[in-house]
Amino acid sequence: MNQNQLELDDYDAALTRRAVGIARAADKADRDHEGWQDEAVSAVRKYLAQHPGRQFLAEDVRAWCEAMGIIDAPENERAWGAVMRRAAKDGYICKIGYAPARSSNLSPKVLWEPRP
């Protein structure tokens, strides 16, 4: 196996670990609060209605939801990853790049915008 194949295998493994972590966090949020993911997607839609045309990070949605008392925060914030993916799949938002996130010491996180 060459170095490129090792790097691809490592990348694929990292993608799998990320997907598993997000799914576990979201499933736990649903176990703690039945229907949490559905409520969170609705909260994303409310955020979009209140912030039309604005680019945003998932942490912006989380902070707004918490400040407005719209939805209970999950035990693990990674649960929001599943929510954002679902909102994208459902056609409410689209990924447009990356931006530094305050919640992770300015590590780049997905930058989203509303779909027209």
PDB file of N, CA and C in Angstrom:
ATOM      1  N   MET A   1       0.847  -1.175   0.000  1.00  0.00           N
ATOM      2  CA  MET A   1       0.000   0.000   0.000  1.00  0.00           C
ATOM      3  C   MET A   1       0.890   1.236   0.000  1.00  0.00           C
ATOM      4  N   ASN A   2       0.577   2.190  -0.862  1.00  0.00           N
ATOM      5  CA  ASN A   2       1.396   3.398  -0.940  1.00  0.00           C
ATOM      6  C   ASN A   2       0.883   4.475   0.035  1.00  0.00           C
ATOM      7  N   GLN A   3       1.652   5.541   0.154  1.00  0.00           N
ATOM      8  CA  GLN A   3       1.332   6.619   1.090  1.00  0.00           C
ATOM      9  C   GLN A   3      -0.010   7.265   0.767  1.00  0.00           C
ATOM     10  N   ASN A   4      -0.302   7.452  -0.528  1.00  0.00           N
ATOM     11  CA  ASN A   4      -1.582   8.064  -0.909  1.00  0.00           C
ATOM     12  C   ASN A   4      -2.758   7.207  -0.457  1.00  0.00           C
ATOM     13  N   GLN A   5      -2.632   5.886  -0.597  1.00  0.00           N
ATOM     14  CA  GLN A   5      -3.712   4.996  -0.178  1.00  0.00           C
ATOM     15  C   GLN A   5      -3.900   5.048   1.336  1.00  0.00           C
ATOM     16  N   LEU A   6      -2.784   5.115   2.072  1.00  0.00           N
ATOM     17  CA  LEU A   6      -2.884   5.234   3.525  1.00  0.00           C
ATOM     18  C   LEU A   6      -3.607   6.513   3.915  1.00  0.00           C
ATOM     19  N   GLU A   7      -3.288   7.614   3.239  1.00  0.00           N
ATOM     20  CA  GLU A   7      -3.938   8.884   3.534  1.00  0.00           C
ATOM     21  C   GLU A   7      -5.425   8.818   3.216  1.00  0.00           C
ATOM     22  N   LEU A   8      -5.802   8.192   2.108  1.00  0.00           N
ATOM     23  CA  LEU A   8      -7.214   8.040   1.761  1.00  0.00           C
ATOM     24  C   LEU A   8      -7.937   7.174   2.784  1.00  0.00           C
ATOM     25  N   ASP A   9      -7.289   6.092   3.219  1.00  0.00           N
ATOM     26  CA  ASP A   9      -7.886   5.224   4.229  1.00  0.00           C
ATOM     27  C   ASP A   9      -8.095   5.987   5.534  1.00  0.00           C
ATOM     28  N   ASP A  10      -7.108   6.789   5.941  1.00  0.00           N
ATOM     29  CA  ASP A  10      -7.229   7.603   7.146  1.00  0.00           C
ATOM     30  C   ASP A  10      -8.367   8.609   7.005  1.00  0.00           C
ATOM     31  N   TYR A  11      -8.477   9.215   5.828  1.00  0.00           N
ATOM     32  CA  TYR A  11      -9.535  10.193   5.574  1.00  0.00           C
ATOM     33  C   TYR A  11     -10.904   9.532   5.646  1.00  0.00           C
ATOM     34  N   ASP A  12     -11.036   8.372   4.995  1.00  0.00           N
ATOM     35  CA  ASP A  12     -12.302   7.639   5.024  1.00  0.00           C
ATOM     36  C   ASP A  12     -12.667   7.232   6.453  1.00  0.00           C
ATOM     37  N   ALA A  13     -11.680   6.811   7.213  1.00  0.00           N
ATOM     38  CA  ALA A  13     -11.930   6.432   8.600  1.00  0.00           C
ATOM     39  C   ALA A  13     -12.384   7.641   9.417  1.00  0.00           C
ATOM     40  N   ALA A  14     -11.786   8.788   9.167  1.00  0.00           N
ATOM     41  CA  ALA A  14     -12.178  10.003   9.873  1.00  0.00           C
ATOM     42  C   ALA A  14     -13.605  10.408   9.514  1.00  0.00           C
ATOM     43  N   LEU A  15     -13.963  10.295   8.241  1.00  0.00           N
ATOM     44  CA  LEU A  15     -15.340  10.586   7.828  1.00  0.00           C
ATOM     45  C   LEU A  15     -16.333   9.676   8.532  1.00  0.00           C
ATOM     46  N   THR A  16     -15.977   8.412   8.641  1.00  0.00           N
ATOM     47  CA  THR A  16     -16.848   7.448   9.312  1.00  0.00           C
ATOM     48  C   THR A  16     -16.993   7.788  10.787  1.00  0.00           C
ATOM     49  N   ARG A  17     -15.874   8.101  11.444  1.00  0.00           N
ATOM     50  CA  ARG A  17     -15.930   8.460  12.865  1.00  0.00           C
ATOM     51  C   ARG A  17     -16.789   9.700  13.078  1.00  0.00           C
ATOM     52  N   ARG A  18     -16.657  10.684  12.193  1.00  0.00           N
ATOM     53  CA  ARG A  18     -17.465  11.903  12.300  1.00  0.00           C
ATOM     54  C   ARG A  18     -18.951  11.573  12.164  1.00  0.00           C
ATOM     55  N   ALA A  19     -19.312  10.787  11.159  1.00  0.00           N
ATOM     56  CA  ALA A  19     -20.712  10.430  10.929  1.00  0.00           C
ATOM     57  C   ALA A  19     -21.288   9.653  12.109  1.00  0.00           C
ATOM     58  N   VAL A  20     -20.502   8.726  12.650  1.00  0.00           N
ATOM     59  CA  VAL A  20     -20.961   7.941  13.791  1.00  0.00           C
ATOM     60  C   VAL A  20     -21.156   8.844  15.009  1.00  0.00           C
ATOM     61  N   GLY A  21     -20.226   9.745  15.261  1.00  0.00           N
ATOM     62  CA  GLY A  21     -20.337  10.656  16.406  1.00  0.00           C
ATOM     63  C   GLY A  21     -21.551  11.561  16.305  1.00  0.00           C
ATOM     64  N   ILE A  22     -21.794  12.093  15.123  1.00  0.00           N
ATOM     65  CA  ILE A  22     -22.957  12.959  14.909  1.00  0.00           C
ATOM     66  C   ILE A  22     -24.241  12.165  15.122  1.00  0.00           C
ATOM     67  N   ALA A  23     -24.310  10.968  14.537  1.00  0.00           N
ATOM     68  CA  ALA A  23     -25.519  10.145  14.667  1.00  0.00           C
ATOM     69  C   ALA A  23     -25.780   9.761  16.122  1.00  0.00           C
ATOM     70  N   ARG A  24     -24.735   9.388  16.833  1.00  0.00           N
ATOM     71  CA  ARG A  24     -24.902   9.016  18.243  1.00  0.00           C
ATOM     72  C   ARG A  24     -25.405  10.195  19.070  1.00  0.00           C
ATOM     73  N   ALA A  25     -24.830  11.366  18.835  1.00  0.00           N
ATOM     74  CA  ALA A  25     -25.245  12.555  19.589  1.00  0.00           C
ATOM     75  C   ALA A  25     -26.705  12.902  19.283  1.00  0.00           C
ATOM     76  N   ALA A  26     -27.096  12.825  18.024  1.00  0.00           N
ATOM     77  CA  ALA A  26     -28.475  13.150  17.644  1.00  0.00           C
ATOM     78  C   ALA A  26     -29.452  12.115  18.190  1.00  0.00           C
ATOM     79  N   ASP A  27     -29.080  10.853  18.120  1.00  0.00           N
ATOM     80  CA  ASP A  27     -29.949   9.805  18.665  1.00  0.00           C
ATOM     81  C   ASP A  27     -30.129   9.976  20.175  1.00  0.00           C
ATOM     82  N   LYS A  28     -29.061  10.348  20.862  1.00  0.00           N
ATOM     83  CA  LYS A  28     -29.140  10.582  22.318  1.00  0.00           C
ATOM     84  C   LYS A  28     -30.050  11.766  22.603  1.00  0.00           C
ATOM     85  N   ALA A  29     -29.963  12.820  21.802  1.00  0.00           N
ATOM     86  CA  ALA A  29     -30.835  13.980  21.990  1.00  0.00           C
ATOM     87  C   ALA A  29     -32.300  13.576  21.827  1.00  0.00           C
ATOM     88  N   ASP A  30     -32.582  12.711  20.861  1.00  0.00           N
ATOM     89  CA  ASP A  30     -33.945  12.221  20.671  1.00  0.00           C
ATOM     90  C   ASP A  30     -34.397  11.318  21.821  1.00  0.00           C
ATOM     91  N   ARG A  31     -33.481  10.536  22.365  1.00  0.00           N
ATOM     92  CA  ARG A  31     -33.845   9.701  23.521  1.00  0.00           C
ATOM     93  C   ARG A  31     -34.127  10.566  24.743  1.00  0.00           C
ATOM     94  N   ASP A  32     -33.345  11.629  24.919  1.00  0.00           N
ATOM     95  CA  ASP A  32     -33.537  12.521  26.061  1.00  0.00           C
ATOM     96  C   ASP A  32     -34.795  13.362  25.918  1.00  0.00           C
ATOM     97  N   HIS A  33     -35.111  13.734  24.687  1.00  0.00           N
ATOM     98  CA  HIS A  33     -36.266  14.599  24.407  1.00  0.00           C
ATOM     99  C   HIS A  33     -36.875  14.110  23.089  1.00  0.00           C
ATOM    100  N   GLU A  34     -37.911  13.319  23.189  1.00  0.00           N
ATOM    101  CA  GLU A  34     -38.514  12.716  22.000  1.00  0.00           C
ATOM    102  C   GLU A  34     -38.860  13.781  20.959  1.00  0.00           C
ATOM    103  N   GLY A  35     -38.405  13.555  19.737  1.00  0.00           N
ATOM    104  CA  GLY A  35     -38.679  14.493  18.651  1.00  0.00           C
ATOM    105  C   GLY A  35     -37.734  15.675  18.586  1.00  0.00           C
ATOM    106  N   TRP A  36     -36.630  15.618  19.344  1.00  0.00           N
ATOM    107  CA  TRP A  36     -35.724  16.764  19.386  1.00  0.00           C
ATOM    108  C   TRP A  36     -35.224  17.146  17.998  1.00  0.00           C
ATOM    109  N   GLN A  37     -34.834  16.171  17.187  1.00  0.00           N
ATOM    110  CA  GLN A  37     -34.299  16.495  15.864  1.00  0.00           C
ATOM    111  C   GLN A  37     -35.341  17.211  15.000  1.00  0.00           C
ATOM    112  N   ASP A  38     -36.579  16.753  15.052  1.00  0.00           N
ATOM    113  CA  ASP A  38     -37.636  17.430  14.288  1.00  0.00           C
ATOM    114  C   ASP A  38     -37.811  18.864  14.773  1.00  0.00           C
ATOM    115  N   GLU A  39     -37.816  19.044  16.081  1.00  0.00           N
ATOM    116  CA  GLU A  39     -37.944  20.391  16.650  1.00  0.00           C
ATOM    117  C   GLU A  39     -36.753  21.267  16.255  1.00  0.00           C
ATOM    118  N   ALA A  40     -35.569  20.671  16.226  1.00  0.00           N
ATOM    119  CA  ALA A  40     -34.374  21.439  15.885  1.00  0.00           C
ATOM    120  C   ALA A  40     -34.396  21.874  14.421  1.00  0.00           C
ATOM    121  N   VAL A  41     -34.863  21.015  13.523  1.00  0.00           N
ATOM    122  CA  VAL A  41     -34.986  21.426  12.115  1.00  0.00           C
ATOM    123  C   VAL A  41     -36.001  22.561  12.002  1.00  0.00           C
ATOM    124  N   SER A  42     -37.098  22.482  12.735  1.00  0.00           N
ATOM    125  CA  SER A  42     -38.070  23.583  12.756  1.00  0.00           C
ATOM    126  C   SER A  42     -37.435  24.857  13.291  1.00  0.00           C
ATOM    127  N   ALA A  43     -36.560  24.708  14.281  1.00  0.00           N
ATOM    128  CA  ALA A  43     -35.862  25.871  14.840  1.00  0.00           C
ATOM    129  C   ALA A  43     -34.938  26.504  13.797  1.00  0.00           C
ATOM    130  N   VAL A  44     -34.290  25.674  12.996  1.00  0.00           N
ATOM    131  CA  VAL A  44     -33.453  26.208  11.907  1.00  0.00           C
ATOM    132  C   VAL A  44     -34.316  27.027  10.949  1.00  0.00           C
ATOM    133  N   ARG A  45     -35.477  26.523  10.628  1.00  0.00           N
ATOM    134  CA  ARG A  45     -36.378  27.249   9.719  1.00  0.00           C
ATOM    135  C   ARG A  45     -36.816  28.587  10.331  1.00  0.00           C
ATOM    136  N   LYS A  46     -37.060  28.605  11.638  1.00  0.00           N
ATOM    137  CA  LYS A  46     -37.410  29.865  12.317  1.00  0.00           C
ATOM    138  C   LYS A  46     -36.240  30.839  12.253  1.00  0.00           C
ATOM    139  N   TYR A  47     -35.043  30.315  12.472  1.00  0.00           N
ATOM    140  CA  TYR A  47     -33.844  31.156  12.383  1.00  0.00           C
ATOM    141  C   TYR A  47     -33.750  31.777  10.999  1.00  0.00           C
ATOM    142  N   LEU A  48     -33.963  30.971   9.965  1.00  0.00           N
ATOM    143  CA  LEU A  48     -33.883  31.469   8.592  1.00  0.00           C
ATOM    144  C   LEU A  48     -34.909  32.561   8.343  1.00  0.00           C
ATOM    145  N   ALA A  49     -36.102  32.402   8.884  1.00  0.00           N
ATOM    146  CA  ALA A  49     -37.154  33.411   8.707  1.00  0.00           C
ATOM    147  C   ALA A  49     -36.786  34.724   9.392  1.00  0.00           C
ATOM    148  N   GLN A  50     -36.085  34.626  10.519  1.00  0.00           N
ATOM    149  CA  GLN A  50     -35.692  35.823  11.267  1.00  0.00           C
ATOM    150  C   GLN A  50     -34.404  36.472  10.753  1.00  0.00           C
ATOM    151  N   HIS A  51     -33.642  35.725   9.960  1.00  0.00           N
ATOM    152  CA  HIS A  51     -32.361  36.211   9.444  1.00  0.00           C
ATOM    153  C   HIS A  51     -32.282  35.952   7.936  1.00  0.00           C
ATOM    154  N   PRO A  52     -33.161  36.539   7.157  1.00  0.00           N
ATOM    155  CA  PRO A  52     -33.220  36.216   5.716  1.00  0.00           C
ATOM    156  C   PRO A  52     -31.933  36.584   4.979  1.00  0.00           C
ATOM    157  N   GLY A  53     -31.484  35.647   4.142  1.00  0.00           N
ATOM    158  CA  GLY A  53     -30.326  35.894   3.292  1.00  0.00           C
ATOM    159  C   GLY A  53     -28.984  35.905   3.989  1.00  0.00           C
ATOM    160  N   ARG A  54     -28.960  35.690   5.282  1.00  0.00           N
ATOM    161  CA  ARG A  54     -27.712  35.789   6.047  1.00  0.00           C
ATOM    162  C   ARG A  54     -26.924  34.478   5.998  1.00  0.00           C
ATOM    163  N   GLN A  55     -25.615  34.580   5.853  1.00  0.00           N
ATOM    164  CA  GLN A  55     -24.730  33.424   5.983  1.00  0.00           C
ATOM    165  C   GLN A  55     -24.525  33.164   7.473  1.00  0.00           C
ATOM    166  N   PHE A  56     -24.372  31.891   7.837  1.00  0.00           N
ATOM    167  CA  PHE A  56     -24.305  31.575   9.258  1.00  0.00           C
ATOM    168  C   PHE A  56     -23.591  30.251   9.497  1.00  0.00           C
ATOM    169  N   LEU A  57     -23.184  30.060  10.742  1.00  0.00           N
ATOM    170  CA  LEU A  57     -22.628  28.804  11.230  1.00  0.00           C
ATOM    171  C   LEU A  57     -23.679  28.122  12.101  1.00  0.00           C
ATOM    172  N   ALA A  58     -23.529  26.841  12.295  1.00  0.00           N
ATOM    173  CA  ALA A  58     -24.450  26.123  13.178  1.00  0.00           C
ATOM    174  C   ALA A  58     -24.452  26.747  14.574  1.00  0.00           C
ATOM    175  N   GLU A  59     -23.308  27.235  15.029  1.00  0.00           N
ATOM    176  CA  GLU A  59     -23.249  27.835  16.364  1.00  0.00           C
ATOM    177  C   GLU A  59     -24.109  29.088  16.456  1.00  0.00           C
ATOM    178  N   ASP A  60     -24.310  29.789  15.340  1.00  0.00           N
ATOM    179  CA  ASP A  60     -25.192  30.954  15.339  1.00  0.00           C
ATOM    180  C   ASP A  60     -26.639  30.530  15.581  1.00  0.00           C
ATOM    181  N   VAL A  61     -27.042  29.450  14.927  1.00  0.00           N
ATOM    182  CA  VAL A  61     -28.392  28.924  15.114  1.00  0.00           C
ATOM    183  C   VAL A  61     -28.566  28.458  16.554  1.00  0.00           C
ATOM    184  N   ARG A  62     -27.599  27.705  17.056  1.00  0.00           N
ATOM    185  CA  ARG A  62     -27.674  27.207  18.440  1.00  0.00           C
ATOM    186  C   ARG A  62     -27.810  28.352  19.430  1.00  0.00           C
ATOM    187  N   ALA A  63     -26.958  29.357  19.295  1.00  0.00           N
ATOM    188  CA  ALA A  63     -26.981  30.485  20.231  1.00  0.00           C
ATOM    189  C   ALA A  63     -28.319  31.224  20.165  1.00  0.00           C
ATOM    190  N   TRP A  64     -28.832  31.435  18.964  1.00  0.00           N
ATOM    191  CA  TRP A  64     -30.111  32.124  18.797  1.00  0.00           C
ATOM    192  C   TRP A  64     -31.236  31.312  19.430  1.00  0.00           C
ATOM    193  N   CYS A  65     -31.250  30.015  19.170  1.00  0.00           N
ATOM    194  CA  CYS A  65     -32.289  29.147  19.732  1.00  0.00           C
ATOM    195  C   CYS A  65     -32.260  29.167  21.253  1.00  0.00           C
ATOM    196  N   GLU A  66     -31.063  29.123  21.823  1.00  0.00           N
ATOM    197  CA  GLU A  66     -30.944  29.145  23.275  1.00  0.00           C
ATOM    198  C   GLU A  66     -31.371  30.496  23.833  1.00  0.00           C
ATOM    199  N   ALA A  67     -30.959  31.588  23.188  1.00  0.00           N
ATOM    200  CA  ALA A  67     -31.315  32.925  23.661  1.00  0.00           C
ATOM    201  C   ALA A  67     -32.823  33.166  23.580  1.00  0.00           C
ATOM    202  N   MET A  68     -33.462  32.613  22.562  1.00  0.00           N
ATOM    203  CA  MET A  68     -34.892  32.799  22.361  1.00  0.00           C
ATOM    204  C   MET A  68     -35.724  31.755  23.105  1.00  0.00           C
ATOM    205  N   GLY A  69     -35.060  30.742  23.675  1.00  0.00           N
ATOM    206  CA  GLY A  69     -35.770  29.693  24.385  1.00  0.00           C
ATOM    207  C   GLY A  69     -36.606  28.818  23.456  1.00  0.00           C
ATOM    208  N   ILE A  70     -36.141  28.656  22.221  1.00  0.00           N
ATOM    209  CA  ILE A  70     -36.905  27.921  21.211  1.00  0.00           C
ATOM    210  C   ILE A  70     -36.795  26.413  21.382  1.00  0.00           C
ATOM    211  N   ILE A  71     -35.636  25.936  21.779  1.00  0.00           N
ATOM    212  CA  ILE A  71     -35.436  24.488  21.906  1.00  0.00           C
ATOM    213  C   ILE A  71     -34.406  24.240  23.001  1.00  0.00           C
ATOM    214  N   ASP A  72     -34.576  23.133  23.691  1.00  0.00           N
ATOM    215  CA  ASP A  72     -33.612  22.757  24.726  1.00  0.00           C
ATOM    216  C   ASP A  72     -32.298  22.353  24.068  1.00  0.00           C
ATOM    217  N   ALA A  73     -31.207  22.755  24.679  1.00  0.00           N
ATOM    218  CA  ALA A  73     -29.889  22.375  24.173  1.00  0.00           C
ATOM    219  C   ALA A  73     -29.674  20.882  24.411  1.00  0.00           C
ATOM    220  N   PRO A  74     -29.130  20.181  23.421  1.00  0.00           N
ATOM    221  CA  PRO A  74     -28.828  18.765  23.636  1.00  0.00           C
ATOM    222  C   PRO A  74     -27.620  18.619  24.552  1.00  0.00           C
ATOM    223  N   GLU A  75     -27.477  17.445  25.114  1.00  0.00           N
ATOM    224  CA  GLU A  75     -26.327  17.173  25.976  1.00  0.00           C
ATOM    225  C   GLU A  75     -25.020  17.348  25.202  1.00  0.00           C
ATOM    226  N   ASN A  76     -25.020  16.951  23.944  1.00  0.00           N
ATOM    227  CA  ASN A  76     -23.828  17.024  23.100  1.00  0.00           C
ATOM    228  C   ASN A  76     -24.149  17.890  21.883  1.00  0.00           C
ATOM    229  N   GLU A  77     -23.418  18.972  21.719  1.00  0.00           N
ATOM    230  CA  GLU A  77     -23.694  19.901  20.619  1.00  0.00           C
ATOM    231  C   GLU A  77     -23.492  19.287  19.242  1.00  0.00           C
ATOM    232  N   ARG A  78     -22.787  18.150  19.165  1.00  0.00           N
ATOM    233  CA  ARG A  78     -22.630  17.488  17.867  1.00  0.00           C
ATOM    234  C   ARG A  78     -23.972  17.063  17.291  1.00  0.00           C
ATOM    235  N   ALA A  79     -24.999  16.979  18.133  1.00  0.00           N
ATOM    236  CA  ALA A  79     -26.333  16.627  17.635  1.00  0.00           C
ATOM    237  C   ALA A  79     -26.797  17.627  16.583  1.00  0.00           C
ATOM    238  N   TRP A  80     -26.335  18.862  16.685  1.00  0.00           N
ATOM    239  CA  TRP A  80     -26.705  19.877  15.693  1.00  0.00           C
ATOM    240  C   TRP A  80     -26.145  19.543  14.316  1.00  0.00           C
ATOM    241  N   GLY A  81     -25.082  18.770  14.246  1.00  0.00           N
ATOM    242  CA  GLY A  81     -24.540  18.368  12.945  1.00  0.00           C
ATOM    243  C   GLY A  81     -25.569  17.593  12.137  1.00  0.00           C
ATOM    244  N   ALA A  82     -26.275  16.688  12.788  1.00  0.00           N
ATOM    245  CA  ALA A  82     -27.322  15.923  12.106  1.00  0.00           C
ATOM    246  C   ALA A  82     -28.463  16.839  11.673  1.00  0.00           C
ATOM    247  N   VAL A  83     -28.767  17.814  12.499  1.00  0.00           N
ATOM    248  CA  VAL A  83     -29.843  18.757  12.173  1.00  0.00           C
ATOM    249  C   VAL A  83     -29.476  19.589  10.947  1.00  0.00           C
ATOM    250  N   MET A  84     -28.257  20.088  10.907  1.00  0.00           N
ATOM    251  CA  MET A  84     -27.838  20.914   9.781  1.00  0.00           C
ATOM    252  C   MET A  84     -27.792  20.089   8.497  1.00  0.00           C
ATOM    253  N   ARG A  85     -27.317  18.856   8.603  1.00  0.00           N
ATOM    254  CA  ARG A  85     -27.303  17.977   7.429  1.00  0.00           C
ATOM    255  C   ARG A  85     -28.720  17.725   6.919  1.00  0.00           C
ATOM    256  N   ARG A  86     -29.631  17.484   7.854  1.00  0.00           N
ATOM    257  CA  ARG A  86     -31.018  17.237   7.453  1.00  0.00           C
ATOM    258  C   ARG A  86     -31.649  18.486   6.842  1.00  0.00           C
ATOM    259  N   ALA A  87     -31.379  19.642   7.423  1.00  0.00           N
ATOM    260  CA  ALA A  87     -31.915  20.887   6.862  1.00  0.00           C
ATOM    261  C   ALA A  87     -31.387  21.103   5.444  1.00  0.00           C
ATOM    262  N   ALA A  88     -30.138  20.728   5.210  1.00  0.00           N
ATOM    263  CA  ALA A  88     -29.567  20.834   3.861  1.00  0.00           C
ATOM    264  C   ALA A  88     -30.224  19.828   2.923  1.00  0.00           C
ATOM    265  N   LYS A  89     -30.369  18.603   3.392  1.00  0.00           N
ATOM    266  CA  LYS A  89     -30.988  17.558   2.571  1.00  0.00           C
ATOM    267  C   LYS A  89     -32.433  17.923   2.222  1.00  0.00           C
ATOM    268  N   ASP A  90     -33.129  18.545   3.162  1.00  0.00           N
ATOM    269  CA  ASP A  90     -34.522  18.946   2.942  1.00  0.00           C
ATOM    270  C   ASP A  90     -34.636  20.207   2.087  1.00  0.00           C
ATOM    271  N   GLY A  91     -33.487  20.822   1.744  1.00  0.00           N
ATOM    272  CA  GLY A  91     -33.487  21.957   0.837  1.00  0.00           C
ATOM    273  C   GLY A  91     -33.652  23.319   1.473  1.00  0.00           C
ATOM    274  N   TYR A  92     -33.487  23.421   2.794  1.00  0.00           N
ATOM    275  CA  TYR A  92     -33.628  24.712   3.463  1.00  0.00           C
ATOM    276  C   TYR A  92     -32.347  25.529   3.442  1.00  0.00           C
ATOM    277  N   ILE A  93     -31.202  24.852   3.477  1.00  0.00           N
ATOM    278  CA  ILE A  93     -29.909  25.527   3.536  1.00  0.00           C
ATOM    279  C   ILE A  93     -28.928  24.834   2.597  1.00  0.00           C
ATOM    280  N   CYS A  94     -27.840  25.528   2.288  1.00  0.00           N
ATOM    281  CA  CYS A  94     -26.773  24.904   1.501  1.00  0.00           C
ATOM    282  C   CYS A  94     -25.417  25.353   2.040  1.00  0.00           C
ATOM    283  N   LYS A  95     -24.471  24.450   1.910  1.00  0.00           N
ATOM    284  CA  LYS A  95     -23.099  24.695   2.352  1.00  0.00           C
ATOM    285  C   LYS A  95     -22.422  25.588   1.317  1.00  0.00           C
ATOM    286  N   ILE A  96     -21.761  26.653   1.792  1.00  0.00           N
ATOM    287  CA  ILE A  96     -21.089  27.555   0.846  1.00  0.00           C
ATOM    288  C   ILE A  96     -19.597  27.706   1.112  1.00  0.00           C
ATOM    289  N   GLY A  97     -19.105  27.079   2.152  1.00  0.00           N
ATOM    290  CA  GLY A  97     -17.684  27.183   2.470  1.00  0.00           C
ATOM    291  C   GLY A  97     -17.462  26.928   3.943  1.00  0.00           C
ATOM    292  N   TYR A  98     -16.425  27.584   4.461  1.00  0.00           N
ATOM    293  CA  TYR A  98     -16.049  27.402   5.863  1.00  0.00           C
ATOM    294  C   TYR A  98     -15.712  28.760   6.468  1.00  0.00           C
ATOM    295  N   ALA A  99     -15.900  28.852   7.786  1.00  0.00           N
ATOM    296  CA  ALA A  99     -15.578  30.081   8.508  1.00  0.00           C
ATOM    297  C   ALA A  99     -15.125  29.696   9.912  1.00  0.00           C
ATOM    298  N   PRO A 100     -14.330  30.556  10.559  1.00  0.00           N
ATOM    299  CA  PRO A 100     -13.884  30.250  11.919  1.00  0.00           C
ATOM    300  C   PRO A 100     -15.056  30.271  12.898  1.00  0.00           C
ATOM    301  N   ALA A 101     -15.074  29.298  13.805  1.00  0.00           N
ATOM    302  CA  ALA A 101     -16.147  29.188  14.790  1.00  0.00           C
ATOM    303  C   ALA A 101     -15.613  29.487  16.182  1.00  0.00           C
ATOM    304  N   ARG A 102     -16.311  30.355  16.892  1.00  0.00           N
ATOM    305  CA  ARG A 102     -15.910  30.708  18.254  1.00  0.00           C
ATOM    306  C   ARG A 102     -15.996  29.496  19.186  1.00  0.00           C
ATOM    307  N   SER A 103     -16.939  28.596  18.903  1.00  0.00           N
ATOM    308  CA  SER A 103     -17.158  27.451  19.785  1.00  0.00           C
ATOM    309  C   SER A 103     -16.046  26.418  19.719  1.00  0.00           C
ATOM    310  N   SER A 104     -15.160  26.547  18.742  1.00  0.00           N
ATOM    311  CA  SER A 104     -14.070  25.567  18.624  1.00  0.00           C
ATOM    312  C   SER A 104     -12.728  26.253  18.400  1.00  0.00           C
ATOM    313  N   ASN A 105     -12.491  27.296  19.181  1.00  0.00           N
ATOM    314  CA  ASN A 105     -11.213  28.019  19.128  1.00  0.00           C
ATOM    315  C   ASN A 105     -10.848  28.462  17.717  1.00  0.00           C
ATOM    316  N   LEU A 106     -11.859  28.928  16.992  1.00  0.00           N
ATOM    317  CA  LEU A 106     -11.729  29.469  15.637  1.00  0.00           C
ATOM    318  C   LEU A 106     -11.344  28.431  14.581  1.00  0.00           C
ATOM    319  N   SER A 107     -11.541  27.155  14.895  1.00  0.00           N
ATOM    320  CA  SER A 107     -11.373  26.126  13.864  1.00  0.00           C
ATOM    321  C   SER A 107     -12.448  26.341  12.814  1.00  0.00           C
ATOM    322  N   PRO A 108     -12.135  26.069  11.565  1.00  0.00           N
ATOM    323  CA  PRO A 108     -13.139  26.288  10.522  1.00  0.00           C
ATOM    324  C   PRO A 108     -14.294  25.292  10.620  1.00  0.00           C
ATOM    325  N   LYS A 109     -15.492  25.818  10.476  1.00  0.00           N
ATOM    326  CA  LYS A 109     -16.718  25.017  10.470  1.00  0.00           C
ATOM    327  C   LYS A 109     -17.511  25.394   9.218  1.00  0.00           C
ATOM    328  N   VAL A 110     -18.474  24.570   8.880  1.00  0.00           N
ATOM    329  CA  VAL A 110     -19.264  24.800   7.671  1.00  0.00           C
ATOM    330  C   VAL A 110     -20.009  26.130   7.759  1.00  0.00           C
ATOM    331  N   LEU A 111     -19.922  26.882   6.681  1.00  0.00           N
ATOM    332  CA  LEU A 111     -20.667  28.122   6.534  1.00  0.00           C
ATOM    333  C   LEU A 111     -21.882  27.812   5.667  1.00  0.00           C
ATOM    334  N   TRP A 112     -23.047  28.200   6.140  1.00  0.00           N
ATOM    335  CA  TRP A 112     -24.309  27.900   5.473  1.00  0.00           C
ATOM    336  C   TRP A 112     -24.979  29.177   5.000  1.00  0.00           C
ATOM    337  N   GLU A 113     -25.902  29.023   4.060  1.00  0.00           N
ATOM    338  CA  GLU A 113     -26.792  30.104   3.695  1.00  0.00           C
ATOM    339  C   GLU A 113     -28.147  29.506   3.324  1.00  0.00           C
ATOM    340  N   PRO A 114     -29.185  30.309   3.430  1.00  0.00           N
ATOM    341  CA  PRO A 114     -30.517  29.797   3.069  1.00  0.00           C
ATOM    342  C   PRO A 114     -30.592  29.478   1.584  1.00  0.00           C
ATOM    343  N   ARG A 115     -31.356  28.464   1.256  1.00  0.00           N
ATOM    344  CA  ARG A 115     -31.646  28.187  -0.147  1.00  0.00           C
ATOM    345  C   ARG A 115     -32.809  29.055  -0.568  1.00  0.00           C
ATOM    346  N   PRO A 116     -32.752  29.588  -1.769  1.00  0.00           N
ATOM    347  CA  PRO A 116     -33.875  30.446  -2.215  1.00  0.00           C
ATOM    348  C   PRO A 116     -35.169  29.671  -2.366  1.00  0.00           C
TER     349      PRO A 116
END
